[in-house]
Structures are given as structure tokens and as C-alpha cells.
Amino acid sequence: MLKRIWHGWTTHENADHYENLLKTEIFPGIAAKRITGYQNIQLLRRKHDDEVEFITVMTFDSWEAIKQFVGDDPSVSYVPAKAREVLSRWDDHSQHYEVRESLSY
């Protein structure tokens, strides 16, 4: 199992709009791709003095599933045009981590 982590930042004024865009268009669009091996996506949000940071954490079963999502280079970020309109900056590449253990207590 792999976690794909990506960061994007926006202004305080655009933060709610961007979050709504993710929840109503971008995330449903990802789910609609019906990628075999895509499990889920989590959205994290953190307020800073001068901007708002968003982190997405996607879970995939394999590198092949990630390539189905973004193409041959799995490090490439997925930032749709509508998101680029409201983000001030973003990671050009996502980071990937192999899940070695997952515990529930």
C-alpha cells in the first residue's frame, strides 16, 4: 500500500472556495475515474498567518494504480485548471510513502 502526499497553498480569502472545489468537483472527479487500486483520499487544512495550507493524502494499492491516475511519471502532481486558479502555489511533485504498518487500538 502507498500513500501519495501533496501540498497546496492559497490565500485566506480563497481557502473556503478551494476546499469546496475539492469536495464537490475534484474529489468526485477522481473517484469517477474508477482507478483499480485507488482506495481513498484525505484532506488536511492548516491556517498560517499569511496563507492556508492544504494537504491531500491518497491511498493506492500499487505503483501501477498511481500510474493509472497520473501517467508514467508517478511523481507528477495532479492539479486541475480550476484548482490552479485559486491556489497561490503548490508542489509540482507528490511524495510517496510505502505503508509498513497500520494499527488500530
Protein backbone atom coordinates (compact mmCIF):
# COMPACT_ATOMS: atom_id res chain seq x y z
CA MET A 1 0.00 0.00 0.00
CA LEU A 2 1.24 3.51 -0.87
CA LYS A 3 0.37 6.97 0.43
CA ARG A 4 0.61 9.84 -2.06
CA ILE A 5 1.05 13.20 -0.33
CA TRP A 6 0.68 16.61 -1.96
CA HIS A 7 0.65 20.22 -0.65
CA GLY A 8 -1.08 23.32 -1.99
CA TRP A 9 -1.45 26.82 -0.53
CA THR A 10 -4.00 29.55 -1.05
CA THR A 11 -4.97 32.89 0.44
CA HIS A 12 -7.31 33.10 3.41
CA GLU A 13 -9.90 34.63 1.07
CA ASN A 14 -9.75 31.66 -1.33
CA ALA A 15 -9.46 28.85 1.23
CA ASP A 16 -13.17 28.02 1.63
CA HIS A 17 -13.70 28.25 -2.13
CA TYR A 18 -10.80 25.87 -2.77
CA GLU A 19 -11.99 23.39 -0.14
CA ASN A 20 -15.47 23.42 -1.67
CA LEU A 21 -13.99 22.87 -5.14
CA LEU A 22 -12.09 19.85 -3.86
CA LYS A 23 -15.13 18.33 -2.16
CA THR A 24 -17.69 18.98 -4.91
CA GLU A 25 -15.69 18.63 -8.14
CA ILE A 26 -12.10 17.43 -7.87
CA PHE A 27 -12.50 14.53 -5.42
CA PRO A 28 -15.68 13.22 -7.11
CA GLY A 29 -13.85 13.52 -10.44
CA ILE A 30 -11.01 11.37 -9.12
CA ALA A 31 -13.49 8.77 -7.83
CA ALA A 32 -15.26 8.79 -11.22
CA LYS A 33 -12.04 7.63 -12.89
CA ARG A 34 -12.62 4.27 -11.18
CA ILE A 35 -8.93 3.54 -10.88
CA THR A 36 -8.32 -0.05 -9.86
CA GLY A 37 -6.25 0.13 -6.69
CA TYR A 38 -7.31 3.64 -5.62
CA GLN A 39 -8.66 3.42 -2.07
CA ASN A 40 -9.38 6.89 -0.70
CA ILE A 41 -8.31 10.48 -0.23
CA GLN A 42 -7.97 12.56 2.92
CA LEU A 43 -7.96 16.35 3.09
CA LEU A 44 -5.98 18.25 5.72
CA ARG A 45 -6.13 22.02 6.23
CA ARG A 46 -3.91 24.28 8.31
CA LYS A 47 -4.15 28.03 8.78
CA HIS A 48 -0.92 30.07 8.74
CA ASP A 49 -0.55 33.81 9.36
CA ASP A 50 -0.31 34.69 5.67
CA GLU A 51 -1.89 31.71 3.86
CA VAL A 52 -3.80 28.44 4.22
CA GLU A 53 -2.11 25.11 3.54
CA PHE A 54 -3.93 22.08 2.17
CA ILE A 55 -2.55 18.56 2.14
CA THR A 56 -4.08 15.64 0.30
CA VAL A 57 -3.19 12.09 1.27
CA MET A 58 -4.29 9.49 -1.24
CA THR A 59 -4.08 5.73 -0.67
CA PHE A 60 -3.27 3.36 -3.52
CA ASP A 61 -2.64 -0.38 -3.64
CA SER A 62 0.32 -0.16 -6.03
CA TRP A 63 2.57 1.95 -8.24
CA GLU A 64 0.54 0.72 -11.20
CA ALA A 65 -2.60 2.28 -9.69
CA ILE A 66 -0.79 5.60 -9.23
CA LYS A 67 0.36 5.47 -12.86
CA GLN A 68 -3.26 4.91 -13.92
CA PHE A 69 -4.05 8.13 -12.06
CA VAL A 70 -1.24 10.43 -13.30
CA GLY A 71 0.61 8.64 -16.11
CA ASP A 72 4.07 7.13 -16.49
CA ASP A 73 5.78 9.51 -14.03
CA PRO A 74 4.07 8.83 -10.68
CA SER A 75 5.71 11.84 -9.04
CA VAL A 76 3.82 14.34 -11.21
CA SER A 77 1.25 16.40 -9.32
CA TYR A 78 -2.41 16.36 -10.28
CA VAL A 79 -3.59 19.99 -10.19
CA PRO A 80 -6.66 20.65 -12.38
CA ALA A 81 -7.07 24.05 -14.06
CA LYS A 82 -9.81 25.18 -11.67
CA ALA A 83 -7.54 24.48 -8.70
CA ARG A 84 -4.68 26.42 -10.30
CA GLU A 85 -6.98 29.45 -10.49
CA VAL A 86 -7.34 29.69 -6.69
CA LEU A 87 -4.06 28.26 -5.42
CA SER A 88 -1.16 30.64 -4.83
CA ARG A 89 1.39 27.84 -5.08
CA TRP A 90 1.61 24.06 -4.99
CA ASP A 91 4.00 21.13 -5.04
CA ASP A 92 5.00 20.21 -8.59
CA HIS A 93 5.64 16.68 -7.41
CA SER A 94 3.90 14.45 -4.92
CA GLN A 95 5.74 12.40 -2.33
CA HIS A 96 5.08 8.70 -1.94
CA TYR A 97 5.47 6.54 1.12
CA GLU A 98 5.16 2.81 1.49
CA VAL A 99 2.84 1.87 4.35
CA ARG A 100 4.77 -0.52 6.52
CA GLU A 101 2.26 -0.91 9.33
CA SER A 102 -1.21 0.33 10.17
CA LEU A 103 -2.52 -0.22 13.68
CA SER A 104 -5.83 0.43 15.33
CA TYR A 105 -6.17 0.38 19.11
